[in-house]
Amino acid sequence: MTWRMVCRRLKEKLPEAAFRNWTDKYVLLEISDDKAIIGYRPEASQELFETEYYDTVRESFKWAAGRELNVEYRKVGTRKTKSQIDTHKEKGSWFKLILKAVLWLLIAGTFMLAMIVWKSAAKEKSFKETFYQIGSVKALDSIRILQLSDLHNTIYGDNNNVLIERIKELDPDLIVMTGDMLDRREDSSDIVIDLCREAVSVAPTYFIYGNNETEKAFGTKDMNLQSVDELLGCTEDSRDSGRFYKLDDDLRVMLESMGVNVLFNSEEELMIGETTIDIFGVVTSSPGAFWEYAGEAFSSFLTEDTNHFKLFLCHEPTILEMYDSEIWGDLILCGHTHGGVMRIPYIGGLYANSSGEHILFPEISNDLYDHYIAGMYELNGAPLIVNTGLTNKGPVRIGNQPELVVIDINCY
């Protein structure tokens, strides 16, 4: 909460370019009674924040924390906490060299195994079903949610009949699609449109855009603050997510014409039995653009009608990783990661693309924050589920079968 207040204060005090650099390149590592330690990436404008804006940063921390704090900076590569930093140093350089050698050997072996598996095993061309059980005092009924993500125009059976029939058999109360359902490299959207036409006949269906949909609809997959400002023709004083709905967007028009609810930093209320569900869907999921374009609407989503079950849909989990102390709702659903493409025992995913940053072995990486790649996590007592996606295109998936996620919410 202190960090968020500091950022709000700096937004008022710093030039726009400096504030954008701050939100994209800096993160709070530690805070104590007399000191705040801030991590920064190598490409950050560090000299400015240690000289010209040093007093501004200290004043902002004093305003947010209610006391004087010394401000120290550390480069990315240090651990999130002091104990983690000390542990990392104790391992020694030899251990690092050995670990890197072992990891690269694993990569080479995994790629060889992948080619064998790709030729001989059929299961990676089918999807599995992953079931989660969640309890909530806000649920007055038992509710089944079906989450589809990252289909990338994949087809299961003739005209996707295998996937469609299974959706019908699972009999969900609600269907959500959390982005990258179509593939920007393919001209046609027919596969997704046909799937959505069947989905709305089964249950209320909600759709958010991933980077493939934003590139297809808006001509850009990079939805950082500057790109969104240019796309919508907004300035710092006129940022409005409602402008997304005014853009020429054939995909949204087709989806809405058949009854799909498309959410652009917006909220919809849904009644299932006696339970009211508020659903918030994000289109600007990069950390720099989220608060500017979704912050006010998202705050209302969380704080109003708190007896409603709050369902938060966000394609990329990066913002949840960077601000992991925040409250995000009663259930958070994401995609984008493809489970790391290949999953290696005791190591996790092979690869992640986090807001344009390419990361090997993200689940054991030496980053400022943890990465959410696959499965269920807990954020302040609320479940976060990262769907590994339905696509079987692109790099061969090993130990990482495409998945359809089924969430049963049970009343206490």
Protein backbone atom coordinates (compact mmCIF):
# COMPACT_ATOMS: atom_id res chain seq x y z
CA MET A 1 0.00 0.00 0.00
CA THR A 2 2.91 2.40 0.82
CA TRP A 3 4.45 1.80 -2.61
CA ARG A 4 1.16 2.46 -4.37
CA MET A 5 0.73 5.73 -2.46
CA VAL A 6 4.30 6.74 -3.32
CA CYS A 7 3.60 6.11 -7.01
CA ARG A 8 0.45 8.19 -6.87
CA ARG A 9 2.38 11.03 -5.23
CA LEU A 10 5.20 10.84 -7.79
CA LYS A 11 2.65 10.96 -10.59
CA GLU A 12 1.75 14.44 -9.36
CA LYS A 13 5.35 15.55 -8.89
CA LEU A 14 7.36 14.05 -11.78
CA PRO A 15 7.31 14.81 -15.50
CA GLU A 16 5.39 12.18 -17.44
CA ALA A 17 8.50 10.57 -18.98
CA ALA A 18 10.22 10.28 -15.60
CA PHE A 19 7.08 8.82 -13.98
CA ARG A 20 6.71 6.26 -16.77
CA ASN A 21 10.36 5.27 -16.25
CA TRP A 22 9.68 4.94 -12.53
CA THR A 23 6.62 2.65 -12.89
CA ASP A 24 8.26 0.48 -15.56
CA LYS A 25 11.77 0.12 -14.11
CA TYR A 26 11.53 0.45 -10.30
CA VAL A 27 10.04 -1.73 -7.56
CA LEU A 28 10.07 -1.62 -3.75
CA LEU A 29 12.34 -4.31 -2.26
CA GLU A 30 12.19 -3.56 1.47
CA ILE A 31 10.86 -0.96 3.84
CA SER A 32 11.71 -0.58 7.53
CA ASP A 33 11.24 2.05 10.21
CA ASP A 34 13.95 4.29 8.79
CA LYS A 35 14.80 3.07 5.31
CA ALA A 36 13.29 2.15 1.93
CA ILE A 37 15.26 0.01 -0.53
CA ILE A 38 14.24 0.35 -4.18
CA GLY A 39 15.31 -2.02 -6.97
CA TYR A 40 15.88 -0.74 -10.49
CA ARG A 41 16.65 -2.27 -13.85
CA PRO A 42 19.98 -1.44 -15.59
CA GLU A 43 18.22 0.64 -18.24
CA ALA A 44 16.50 2.86 -15.64
CA SER A 45 17.29 6.60 -15.51
CA GLN A 46 19.06 6.09 -12.21
CA GLU A 47 21.23 9.20 -12.24
CA LEU A 48 18.16 11.45 -12.39
CA PHE A 49 16.54 9.76 -9.39
CA GLU A 50 19.73 9.99 -7.32
CA THR A 51 20.25 13.67 -8.12
CA GLU A 52 17.46 15.77 -9.61
CA TYR A 53 14.53 13.77 -8.20
CA TYR A 54 16.12 12.47 -5.00
CA ASP A 55 14.30 14.94 -2.72
CA THR A 56 11.04 14.35 -4.58
CA VAL A 57 11.26 10.60 -3.95
CA ARG A 58 12.13 11.10 -0.25
CA GLU A 59 9.26 13.54 0.19
CA SER A 60 6.87 11.09 -1.46
CA PHE A 61 7.93 8.29 0.89
CA LYS A 62 7.53 10.63 3.87
CA TRP A 63 4.04 11.55 2.66
CA ALA A 64 3.06 7.91 2.12
CA ALA A 65 4.67 6.41 5.25
CA GLY A 66 4.12 9.32 7.63
CA ARG A 67 7.81 9.43 8.62
CA GLU A 68 11.26 10.31 7.27
CA LEU A 69 12.87 7.44 5.35
CA ASN A 70 16.33 7.14 3.87
CA VAL A 71 16.09 5.96 0.26
CA GLU A 72 18.60 3.46 -1.15
CA TYR A 73 18.73 1.97 -4.65
CA ARG A 74 19.87 -1.48 -5.79
CA LYS A 75 20.25 -2.88 -9.30
CA VAL A 76 18.06 -5.70 -10.60
CA GLY A 77 19.67 -9.02 -9.82
CA THR A 78 19.56 -8.66 -6.05
CA ARG A 79 16.97 -10.66 -4.21
CA LYS A 80 13.65 -9.35 -3.04
CA THR A 81 14.58 -9.52 0.66
CA LYS A 82 17.81 -9.28 2.63
CA SER A 83 17.68 -12.93 3.67
CA GLN A 84 17.34 -13.93 0.01
CA ILE A 85 20.30 -11.70 -0.91
CA ASP A 86 22.50 -13.28 1.78
CA THR A 87 21.46 -16.80 0.76
CA HIS A 88 22.28 -16.07 -2.87
CA LYS A 89 25.77 -14.76 -2.01
CA GLU A 90 26.58 -17.79 0.11
CA LYS A 91 26.04 -20.19 -2.78
CA GLY A 92 29.27 -19.07 -4.42
CA SER A 93 30.38 -18.75 -8.00
CA TRP A 94 31.25 -22.44 -8.44
CA PHE A 95 27.73 -23.49 -7.57
CA LYS A 96 26.39 -21.00 -10.11
CA LEU A 97 28.62 -22.34 -12.86
CA ILE A 98 27.64 -25.93 -12.08
CA LEU A 99 23.94 -25.05 -11.96
CA LYS A 100 24.11 -23.23 -15.30
CA ALA A 101 25.90 -26.17 -16.90
CA VAL A 102 23.29 -28.60 -15.58
CA LEU A 103 20.45 -26.38 -16.78
CA TRP A 104 21.87 -26.07 -20.29
CA LEU A 105 22.36 -29.85 -20.45
CA LEU A 106 18.74 -30.23 -19.44
CA ILE A 107 17.70 -27.85 -22.23
CA ALA A 108 19.61 -29.84 -24.86
CA GLY A 109 18.22 -33.14 -23.57
CA THR A 110 14.71 -31.75 -23.40
CA PHE A 111 14.78 -30.60 -27.01
CA MET A 112 15.93 -34.04 -28.18
CA LEU A 113 13.23 -35.70 -26.14
CA ALA A 114 10.67 -33.24 -27.52
CA MET A 115 11.28 -34.35 -31.09
CA ILE A 116 10.75 -37.98 -30.12
CA VAL A 117 7.61 -37.20 -28.16
CA TRP A 118 6.25 -35.00 -30.95
CA LYS A 119 6.52 -37.82 -33.46
CA SER A 120 5.28 -40.68 -31.29
CA ALA A 121 2.83 -39.30 -28.72
CA ALA A 122 -0.65 -38.09 -29.63
CA LYS A 123 -1.68 -36.75 -26.25
CA GLU A 124 -0.05 -33.34 -26.72
CA LYS A 125 -2.42 -32.85 -29.65
CA SER A 126 -5.39 -33.26 -27.32
CA PHE A 127 -6.34 -31.26 -24.25
CA LYS A 128 -6.66 -32.24 -20.61
CA GLU A 129 -9.15 -30.92 -18.09
CA THR A 130 -7.90 -29.34 -14.87
CA PHE A 131 -10.44 -29.06 -12.05
CA TYR A 132 -10.22 -26.63 -9.13
CA GLN A 133 -12.44 -26.47 -6.05
CA ILE A 134 -12.89 -23.05 -4.41
CA GLY A 135 -14.99 -22.12 -1.38
CA SER A 136 -16.49 -18.68 -0.78
CA VAL A 137 -18.89 -17.19 1.74
CA LYS A 138 -20.15 -14.96 -1.07
CA ALA A 139 -21.36 -17.92 -3.11
CA LEU A 140 -24.98 -18.68 -2.28
CA ASP A 141 -25.04 -21.41 -4.94
CA SER A 142 -22.60 -23.94 -6.34
CA ILE A 143 -21.21 -22.35 -9.51
CA ARG A 144 -19.14 -23.86 -12.30
CA ILE A 145 -16.86 -21.59 -14.34
CA LEU A 146 -15.16 -22.77 -17.52
CA GLN A 147 -11.96 -20.91 -18.49
CA LEU A 148 -10.61 -21.07 -22.03
CA SER A 149 -7.36 -19.28 -22.87
CA ASP A 150 -4.67 -19.06 -25.54
CA LEU A 151 -6.37 -21.20 -28.15
CA HIS A 152 -4.47 -19.49 -31.00
CA ASN A 153 -7.01 -20.81 -33.53
CA THR A 154 -6.29 -24.43 -32.60
CA ILE A 155 -8.94 -26.91 -33.76
CA TYR A 156 -9.86 -30.09 -31.89
CA GLY A 157 -11.81 -32.39 -34.19
CA ASP A 158 -13.87 -31.35 -37.19
CA ASN A 159 -14.91 -27.72 -36.71
CA ASN A 160 -13.74 -27.95 -33.09
CA ASN A 161 -16.52 -30.42 -32.34
CA VAL A 162 -14.40 -32.25 -29.71
CA LEU A 163 -13.89 -29.06 -27.69
CA ILE A 164 -17.44 -27.82 -28.20
CA GLU A 165 -19.04 -31.11 -27.14
CA ARG A 166 -16.91 -31.24 -24.02
CA ILE A 167 -17.91 -27.68 -23.11
CA LYS A 168 -21.55 -28.72 -23.37
CA GLU A 169 -21.01 -31.90 -21.30
CA LEU A 170 -19.29 -29.96 -18.50
CA ASP A 171 -22.45 -27.81 -18.24
CA PRO A 172 -20.88 -24.58 -16.90
CA ASP A 173 -22.81 -21.66 -15.41
CA LEU A 174 -20.30 -19.20 -16.81
CA ILE A 175 -17.67 -19.29 -19.59
CA VAL A 176 -14.69 -16.89 -19.66
CA MET A 177 -12.09 -16.54 -22.40
CA THR A 178 -8.93 -14.85 -21.15
CA GLY A 179 -7.20 -13.76 -24.34
CA ASP A 180 -5.16 -14.98 -27.32
CA MET A 181 -8.04 -17.12 -28.50
CA LEU A 182 -7.21 -16.17 -32.09
CA ASP A 183 -3.79 -15.96 -33.75
CA ARG A 184 -2.60 -12.64 -35.13
CA ARG A 185 -0.60 -14.45 -37.85
CA GLU A 186 -3.77 -15.88 -39.39
CA ASP A 187 -6.21 -13.73 -41.34
CA SER A 188 -9.41 -15.48 -40.30
CA SER A 189 -11.23 -15.13 -36.98
CA ASP A 190 -13.82 -17.74 -37.97
CA ILE A 191 -12.54 -20.45 -35.60
CA VAL A 192 -13.00 -18.24 -32.55
CA ILE A 193 -16.27 -16.76 -33.79
CA ASP A 194 -17.74 -20.23 -34.39
CA LEU A 195 -16.56 -21.40 -30.97
CA CYS A 196 -18.09 -18.35 -29.26
CA ARG A 197 -21.37 -18.88 -31.11
CA GLU A 198 -21.58 -22.35 -29.54
CA ALA A 199 -20.39 -21.12 -26.13
CA VAL A 200 -23.14 -18.50 -25.70
CA SER A 201 -25.72 -21.21 -26.31
CA VAL A 202 -24.34 -23.04 -23.25
CA ALA A 203 -23.75 -20.25 -20.70
CA PRO A 204 -23.09 -16.48 -20.39
CA THR A 205 -19.73 -15.88 -22.08
CA TYR A 206 -17.17 -13.15 -21.31
CA PHE A 207 -14.16 -12.31 -23.45
CA ILE A 208 -11.03 -10.23 -22.83
CA TYR A 209 -8.32 -9.42 -25.35
CA GLY A 210 -4.79 -10.76 -25.18
CA ASN A 211 -1.84 -9.44 -27.15
CA ASN A 212 -2.97 -11.35 -30.27
CA GLU A 213 -6.43 -9.76 -30.20
CA THR A 214 -5.06 -6.25 -29.58
CA GLU A 215 -2.68 -6.58 -32.52
CA LYS A 216 -5.48 -7.95 -34.71
CA ALA A 217 -8.03 -5.32 -33.66
CA PHE A 218 -5.89 -2.26 -32.94
CA GLY A 219 -2.65 -2.91 -34.84
CA THR A 220 -0.51 -3.09 -31.70
CA LYS A 221 0.41 -5.88 -29.28
CA ASP A 222 2.50 -3.50 -27.13
CA MET A 223 -0.07 -2.01 -24.77
CA ASN A 224 2.27 0.08 -22.61
CA LEU A 225 1.19 3.54 -21.50
CA GLN A 226 2.71 5.43 -24.43
CA SER A 227 1.27 3.04 -27.02
CA VAL A 228 -2.23 3.19 -25.49
CA ASP A 229 -2.10 6.99 -25.31
CA GLU A 230 -1.22 7.13 -29.02
CA LEU A 231 -3.82 4.51 -29.95
CA LEU A 232 -6.66 6.32 -28.17
CA GLY A 233 -5.43 9.87 -28.75
CA CYS A 234 -5.31 10.51 -25.01
CA THR A 235 -3.12 12.72 -22.84
CA GLU A 236 -2.32 12.52 -19.16
CA ASP A 237 -5.42 14.58 -18.40
CA SER A 238 -7.82 12.77 -20.74
CA ARG A 239 -7.23 9.04 -20.32
CA ASP A 240 -10.45 7.11 -20.82
CA SER A 241 -10.81 3.36 -21.42
CA GLY A 242 -14.23 4.01 -22.92
CA ARG A 243 -12.47 5.08 -26.10
CA PHE A 244 -11.61 1.44 -26.81
CA TYR A 245 -15.28 0.85 -27.56
CA LYS A 246 -15.24 3.72 -30.09
CA LEU A 247 -12.40 2.28 -32.18
CA ASP A 248 -13.09 0.43 -35.43
CA ASP A 249 -12.98 -3.13 -34.14
CA ASP A 250 -14.62 -5.79 -36.31
CA LEU A 251 -13.74 -8.55 -33.84
CA ARG A 252 -15.65 -6.93 -30.96
CA VAL A 253 -18.61 -6.17 -33.23
CA MET A 254 -18.84 -9.82 -34.32
CA LEU A 255 -18.47 -11.14 -30.76
CA GLU A 256 -21.07 -8.79 -29.31
CA SER A 257 -23.50 -9.44 -32.15
CA MET A 258 -23.80 -13.06 -31.00
CA GLY A 259 -24.10 -12.20 -27.31
CA VAL A 260 -20.50 -12.37 -26.06
CA ASN A 261 -19.61 -9.77 -23.41
CA VAL A 262 -16.32 -8.06 -24.34
CA LEU A 263 -14.67 -6.25 -21.42
CA PHE A 264 -12.24 -3.34 -21.92
CA ASN A 265 -11.19 -2.27 -18.40
CA SER A 266 -14.82 -2.57 -17.51
CA GLU A 267 -17.19 -4.45 -15.22
CA GLU A 268 -20.34 -6.48 -15.75
CA GLU A 269 -22.73 -7.84 -13.13
CA LEU A 270 -24.14 -11.35 -13.50
CA MET A 271 -26.69 -13.26 -11.43
CA ILE A 272 -26.29 -17.03 -11.14
CA GLY A 273 -29.05 -18.39 -8.96
CA GLU A 274 -28.99 -16.22 -5.82
CA THR A 275 -25.32 -15.28 -6.24
CA THR A 276 -24.25 -11.96 -7.75
CA ILE A 277 -20.91 -12.01 -9.58
CA ASP A 278 -19.09 -8.83 -10.58
CA ILE A 279 -16.72 -9.53 -13.49
CA PHE A 280 -13.90 -7.10 -14.32
CA GLY A 281 -11.92 -7.62 -17.54
CA VAL A 282 -8.65 -5.90 -18.42
CA VAL A 283 -7.35 -4.82 -21.82
CA THR A 284 -4.34 -2.77 -20.57
CA SER A 285 -2.60 -5.42 -18.48
CA SER A 286 0.93 -3.95 -18.66
CA PRO A 287 1.94 -2.42 -15.28
CA GLY A 288 2.56 1.06 -16.69
CA ALA A 289 -0.85 1.37 -18.35
CA PHE A 290 -3.07 -0.57 -15.95
CA TRP A 291 -3.38 1.99 -13.16
CA GLU A 292 -3.71 4.94 -15.55
CA TYR A 293 -6.46 3.39 -17.66
CA ALA A 294 -8.11 0.91 -15.30
CA GLY A 295 -7.27 2.12 -11.80
CA GLU A 296 -10.42 4.12 -11.05
CA ALA A 297 -12.82 1.55 -12.52
CA PHE A 298 -10.96 -1.30 -10.83
CA SER A 299 -11.09 0.45 -7.46
CA SER A 300 -14.87 0.83 -7.80
CA PHE A 301 -15.12 -2.85 -8.76
CA LEU A 302 -13.37 -3.86 -5.54
CA THR A 303 -14.92 -1.43 -3.09
CA GLU A 304 -18.55 -1.26 -4.19
CA ASP A 305 -21.05 -4.05 -3.40
CA THR A 306 -18.49 -6.00 -1.41
CA ASN A 307 -21.01 -8.77 -0.77
CA HIS A 308 -20.79 -9.66 -4.49
CA PHE A 309 -18.33 -12.32 -5.67
CA LYS A 310 -15.52 -10.47 -7.47
CA LEU A 311 -14.07 -12.22 -10.56
CA PHE A 312 -11.02 -10.55 -12.11
CA LEU A 313 -9.91 -11.46 -15.67
CA CYS A 314 -6.44 -10.38 -16.85
CA HIS A 315 -4.56 -11.93 -19.78
CA GLU A 316 -0.99 -11.40 -18.55
CA PRO A 317 -0.15 -12.07 -14.88
CA THR A 318 2.79 -9.60 -14.86
CA ILE A 319 0.96 -6.88 -12.94
CA LEU A 320 -0.02 -9.41 -10.28
CA GLU A 321 3.63 -10.39 -9.93
CA MET A 322 4.88 -6.81 -9.55
CA TYR A 323 2.18 -5.76 -7.08
CA ASP A 324 1.73 -9.03 -5.22
CA SER A 325 0.59 -7.33 -2.00
CA GLU A 326 -2.54 -5.94 -3.63
CA ILE A 327 -6.12 -7.16 -3.33
CA TRP A 328 -7.38 -8.28 -6.72
CA GLY A 329 -10.76 -9.91 -6.01
CA ASP A 330 -12.18 -13.25 -4.86
CA LEU A 331 -10.89 -15.16 -7.91
CA ILE A 332 -8.30 -14.11 -10.50
CA LEU A 333 -7.97 -15.84 -13.87
CA CYS A 334 -5.04 -15.33 -16.27
CA GLY A 335 -3.39 -16.98 -19.27
CA HIS A 336 -0.60 -15.90 -21.67
CA THR A 337 2.25 -18.02 -20.27
CA HIS A 338 1.51 -21.31 -22.08
CA GLY A 339 2.80 -22.91 -18.89
CA GLY A 340 6.37 -22.08 -19.86
CA VAL A 341 5.97 -24.17 -23.09
CA MET A 342 7.97 -27.08 -21.65
CA ARG A 343 7.72 -28.08 -18.00
CA ILE A 344 10.73 -29.71 -16.37
CA PRO A 345 10.41 -31.58 -13.05
CA TYR A 346 11.61 -29.55 -10.02
CA ILE A 347 12.39 -26.59 -12.28
CA GLY A 348 9.05 -25.66 -13.84
CA GLY A 349 8.54 -23.82 -17.09
CA LEU A 350 11.29 -23.33 -19.64
CA TYR A 351 10.36 -19.86 -20.90
CA ALA A 352 8.22 -16.82 -20.20
CA ASN A 353 7.53 -13.56 -22.01
CA SER A 354 6.80 -11.03 -19.27
CA SER A 355 5.72 -7.70 -20.78
CA GLY A 356 8.20 -8.14 -23.62
CA GLU A 357 11.04 -9.45 -21.42
CA HIS A 358 12.22 -12.94 -22.38
CA ILE A 359 13.02 -15.11 -19.35
CA LEU A 360 14.49 -18.62 -19.19
CA PHE A 361 13.38 -20.81 -16.29
CA PRO A 362 11.07 -18.09 -14.90
CA GLU A 363 9.99 -20.08 -11.85
CA ILE A 364 13.56 -20.24 -10.50
CA SER A 365 14.82 -16.97 -12.02
CA ASN A 366 16.77 -14.45 -9.95
CA ASP A 367 14.27 -11.64 -10.52
CA LEU A 368 12.90 -8.94 -8.25
CA TYR A 369 9.58 -10.76 -8.13
CA ASP A 370 8.20 -14.26 -8.57
CA HIS A 371 6.60 -15.33 -11.85
CA TYR A 372 3.18 -16.97 -12.05
CA ILE A 373 3.43 -19.50 -14.88
CA ALA A 374 1.03 -22.41 -14.37
CA GLY A 375 -1.59 -23.65 -11.91
CA MET A 376 -3.09 -22.09 -8.82
CA TYR A 377 -1.44 -19.56 -6.50
CA GLU A 378 -2.69 -17.59 -3.50
CA LEU A 379 -2.76 -13.79 -3.44
CA ASN A 380 -3.75 -12.45 -0.01
CA GLY A 381 -6.02 -15.43 0.50
CA ALA A 382 -7.59 -15.24 -2.98
CA PRO A 383 -6.92 -17.92 -5.61
CA LEU A 384 -5.08 -16.96 -8.80
CA ILE A 385 -5.30 -19.53 -11.61
CA VAL A 386 -2.91 -19.28 -14.56
CA ASN A 387 -4.29 -21.31 -17.46
CA THR A 388 -1.54 -22.92 -19.56
CA GLY A 389 -3.61 -22.52 -22.71
CA LEU A 390 -5.34 -24.68 -25.28
CA THR A 391 -2.96 -24.22 -28.19
CA ASN A 392 -0.83 -27.06 -29.53
CA LYS A 393 0.80 -24.89 -32.19
CA GLY A 394 4.32 -23.51 -32.22
CA PRO A 395 7.07 -25.05 -30.03
CA VAL A 396 6.40 -28.63 -28.98
CA ARG A 397 4.91 -28.78 -25.48
CA ILE A 398 6.52 -31.38 -23.22
CA GLY A 399 5.07 -32.27 -19.82
CA ASN A 400 2.60 -29.51 -20.48
CA GLN A 401 -0.53 -30.77 -22.22
CA PRO A 402 -2.98 -28.08 -23.41
CA GLU A 403 -5.68 -27.56 -20.82
CA LEU A 404 -9.29 -26.63 -20.32
CA VAL A 405 -9.79 -25.22 -16.80
CA VAL A 406 -12.91 -26.03 -14.77
CA ILE A 407 -13.51 -24.14 -11.50
CA ASP A 408 -16.23 -25.17 -9.10
CA ILE A 409 -17.10 -22.50 -6.54
CA ASN A 410 -18.82 -24.01 -3.54
CA CYS A 411 -20.87 -22.17 -0.95
CA TYR A 412 -19.86 -22.60 2.69
